[in-house]
Amino acid sequence: MNLYRYLTGPDDASFCHRISELINRGWQLYGSPTLTYDPETKQVVCGQAVIKEVEGGHYSPDLDLSKQ
């Protein structure tokens, strides 16, 4: 089964730590990161897609991707 997630957050160390945690749990970066500016919060927002192949199991929309 292949899984996909797209994470977003402010361009700061906490976002990098979230991505690093996923990489260390077997997720892989998918594509290039994205950046945009939020004029309301005056912050740069990052986005990064990640993918993971999981043995066995079947995909369901009820699957909690944060626990994979």
N, C-alpha and C. Protein backbone atom coordinates (compact mmCIF):
# COMPACT_ATOMS: atom_id res chain seq x y z
N MET A 1 0.85 -1.16 0.00
CA MET A 1 0.00 0.00 0.00
C MET A 1 0.90 1.23 0.00
N ASN A 2 0.57 2.20 -0.82
CA ASN A 2 1.30 3.46 -0.87
C ASN A 2 0.49 4.55 -0.21
N LEU A 3 1.17 5.35 0.62
CA LEU A 3 0.51 6.44 1.35
C LEU A 3 1.12 7.77 0.94
N TYR A 4 0.32 8.81 1.02
CA TYR A 4 0.73 10.17 0.62
C TYR A 4 0.24 11.14 1.68
N ARG A 5 1.10 12.09 2.02
CA ARG A 5 0.71 13.19 2.92
C ARG A 5 1.30 14.48 2.38
N TYR A 6 0.62 15.58 2.64
CA TYR A 6 1.14 16.90 2.30
C TYR A 6 1.07 17.72 3.58
N LEU A 7 2.23 18.10 4.07
CA LEU A 7 2.31 18.86 5.32
C LEU A 7 2.57 20.32 5.02
N THR A 8 1.96 21.19 5.82
CA THR A 8 2.20 22.63 5.70
C THR A 8 2.46 23.20 7.09
N GLY A 9 3.13 24.31 7.11
CA GLY A 9 3.39 24.99 8.38
C GLY A 9 4.29 26.17 8.18
N PRO A 10 4.48 26.96 9.23
CA PRO A 10 5.36 28.12 9.12
C PRO A 10 6.79 27.70 8.82
N ASP A 11 7.50 28.54 8.10
CA ASP A 11 8.89 28.25 7.74
C ASP A 11 9.78 28.48 8.95
N ASP A 12 9.81 27.49 9.83
CA ASP A 12 10.63 27.58 11.03
C ASP A 12 11.15 26.19 11.40
N ALA A 13 11.87 26.11 12.49
CA ALA A 13 12.49 24.85 12.90
C ALA A 13 11.45 23.77 13.19
N SER A 14 10.28 24.15 13.69
CA SER A 14 9.27 23.14 14.02
C SER A 14 8.82 22.40 12.77
N PHE A 15 8.70 23.10 11.64
CA PHE A 15 8.32 22.43 10.39
C PHE A 15 9.41 21.45 9.98
N CYS A 16 10.66 21.86 10.06
CA CYS A 16 11.78 20.98 9.71
C CYS A 16 11.82 19.75 10.62
N HIS A 17 11.51 19.93 11.90
CA HIS A 17 11.48 18.80 12.83
C HIS A 17 10.35 17.83 12.48
N ARG A 18 9.21 18.34 12.06
CA ARG A 18 8.09 17.47 11.65
C ARG A 18 8.48 16.62 10.46
N ILE A 19 9.12 17.24 9.47
CA ILE A 19 9.55 16.51 8.28
C ILE A 19 10.64 15.51 8.65
N SER A 20 11.60 15.92 9.47
CA SER A 20 12.68 15.01 9.90
C SER A 20 12.12 13.80 10.63
N GLU A 21 11.13 14.00 11.47
CA GLU A 21 10.52 12.88 12.18
C GLU A 21 9.92 11.88 11.20
N LEU A 22 9.20 12.39 10.20
CA LEU A 22 8.59 11.50 9.21
C LEU A 22 9.64 10.73 8.42
N ILE A 23 10.71 11.41 8.02
CA ILE A 23 11.79 10.73 7.28
C ILE A 23 12.35 9.59 8.13
N ASN A 24 12.53 9.82 9.42
CA ASN A 24 13.07 8.80 10.31
C ASN A 24 12.06 7.69 10.61
N ARG A 25 10.79 7.90 10.27
CA ARG A 25 9.76 6.87 10.41
C ARG A 25 9.49 6.16 9.09
N GLY A 26 10.36 6.41 8.08
CA GLY A 26 10.25 5.68 6.83
C GLY A 26 9.57 6.40 5.69
N TRP A 27 9.08 7.62 5.92
CA TRP A 27 8.49 8.39 4.84
C TRP A 27 9.61 8.96 3.98
N GLN A 28 9.30 9.22 2.70
CA GLN A 28 10.28 9.80 1.78
C GLN A 28 9.72 11.10 1.21
N LEU A 29 10.62 12.06 0.98
CA LEU A 29 10.20 13.31 0.36
C LEU A 29 9.68 13.01 -1.04
N TYR A 30 8.65 13.72 -1.44
CA TYR A 30 8.07 13.54 -2.76
C TYR A 30 7.96 14.92 -3.41
N GLY A 31 8.80 15.16 -4.39
CA GLY A 31 8.79 16.46 -5.05
C GLY A 31 9.52 17.51 -4.24
N SER A 32 9.47 18.70 -4.75
CA SER A 32 10.15 19.83 -4.12
C SER A 32 9.25 20.49 -3.08
N PRO A 33 9.85 21.12 -2.08
CA PRO A 33 9.04 21.87 -1.12
C PRO A 33 8.45 23.11 -1.79
N THR A 34 7.39 23.61 -1.20
CA THR A 34 6.76 24.83 -1.70
C THR A 34 6.82 25.90 -0.61
N LEU A 35 6.83 27.13 -1.04
CA LEU A 35 6.81 28.27 -0.11
C LEU A 35 5.80 29.29 -0.62
N THR A 36 5.10 29.89 0.29
CA THR A 36 4.20 30.99 -0.03
C THR A 36 4.21 31.96 1.13
N TYR A 37 3.72 33.14 0.90
CA TYR A 37 3.70 34.16 1.95
C TYR A 37 2.25 34.41 2.35
N ASP A 38 1.98 34.39 3.65
CA ASP A 38 0.66 34.69 4.19
C ASP A 38 0.68 36.14 4.69
N PRO A 39 0.05 37.05 3.95
CA PRO A 39 0.10 38.46 4.36
C PRO A 39 -0.64 38.76 5.66
N GLU A 40 -1.61 37.92 6.01
CA GLU A 40 -2.34 38.15 7.27
C GLU A 40 -1.46 37.90 8.49
N THR A 41 -0.70 36.80 8.45
CA THR A 41 0.16 36.46 9.58
C THR A 41 1.58 36.98 9.39
N LYS A 42 1.85 37.49 8.18
CA LYS A 42 3.19 37.98 7.83
C LYS A 42 4.25 36.89 8.03
N GLN A 43 3.90 35.66 7.60
CA GLN A 43 4.82 34.53 7.71
C GLN A 43 4.94 33.82 6.38
N VAL A 44 6.11 33.22 6.17
CA VAL A 44 6.30 32.32 5.04
C VAL A 44 5.79 30.95 5.47
N VAL A 45 5.00 30.31 4.60
CA VAL A 45 4.43 29.00 4.88
C VAL A 45 5.07 27.98 3.95
N CYS A 46 5.54 26.87 4.52
CA CYS A 46 6.17 25.78 3.76
C CYS A 46 5.16 24.68 3.51
N GLY A 47 5.40 23.93 2.47
CA GLY A 47 4.64 22.71 2.19
C GLY A 47 5.60 21.66 1.67
N GLN A 48 5.36 20.40 2.05
CA GLN A 48 6.20 19.31 1.56
C GLN A 48 5.35 18.05 1.49
N ALA A 49 5.37 17.40 0.34
CA ALA A 49 4.69 16.12 0.17
C ALA A 49 5.65 15.01 0.58
N VAL A 50 5.09 13.97 1.19
CA VAL A 50 5.86 12.79 1.58
C VAL A 50 5.06 11.55 1.20
N ILE A 51 5.77 10.47 0.91
CA ILE A 51 5.14 9.20 0.56
C ILE A 51 5.77 8.08 1.37
N LYS A 52 5.01 6.98 1.51
CA LYS A 52 5.53 5.82 2.23
C LYS A 52 4.86 4.57 1.68
N GLU A 53 5.67 3.55 1.45
CA GLU A 53 5.15 2.25 1.05
C GLU A 53 5.05 1.38 2.30
N VAL A 54 3.87 0.81 2.52
CA VAL A 54 3.61 -0.01 3.70
C VAL A 54 3.25 -1.41 3.23
N GLU A 55 3.93 -2.40 3.78
CA GLU A 55 3.64 -3.79 3.43
C GLU A 55 2.27 -4.20 3.96
N GLY A 56 1.55 -4.95 3.15
CA GLY A 56 0.25 -5.46 3.57
C GLY A 56 -0.75 -4.35 3.78
N GLY A 57 -1.87 -4.71 4.31
CA GLY A 57 -2.90 -3.73 4.58
C GLY A 57 -3.58 -3.26 3.32
N HIS A 58 -4.68 -2.60 3.50
CA HIS A 58 -5.43 -2.06 2.39
C HIS A 58 -5.79 -0.62 2.72
N TYR A 59 -5.73 0.22 1.72
CA TYR A 59 -6.05 1.62 1.94
C TYR A 59 -7.53 1.80 2.26
N SER A 60 -7.79 2.70 3.16
CA SER A 60 -9.16 3.10 3.51
C SER A 60 -9.12 4.59 3.86
N PRO A 61 -10.14 5.34 3.50
CA PRO A 61 -10.17 6.75 3.87
C PRO A 61 -10.16 6.96 5.39
N ASP A 62 -10.47 5.94 6.15
CA ASP A 62 -10.46 6.05 7.62
C ASP A 62 -9.08 5.86 8.21
N LEU A 63 -8.10 5.52 7.39
CA LEU A 63 -6.73 5.28 7.85
C LEU A 63 -6.13 6.57 8.43
N ASP A 64 -5.58 6.49 9.62
CA ASP A 64 -4.94 7.65 10.26
C ASP A 64 -3.48 7.71 9.79
N LEU A 65 -3.22 8.56 8.82
CA LEU A 65 -1.87 8.64 8.23
C LEU A 65 -0.84 9.13 9.23
N SER A 66 -1.23 9.87 10.23
CA SER A 66 -0.27 10.38 11.21
C SER A 66 0.29 9.26 12.09
N LYS A 67 -0.34 8.10 12.09
CA LYS A 67 0.15 6.98 12.90
C LYS A 67 0.94 5.97 12.10
N GLN A 68 1.17 6.25 10.84
CA GLN A 68 1.92 5.33 9.98
C GLN A 68 3.38 5.62 10.02
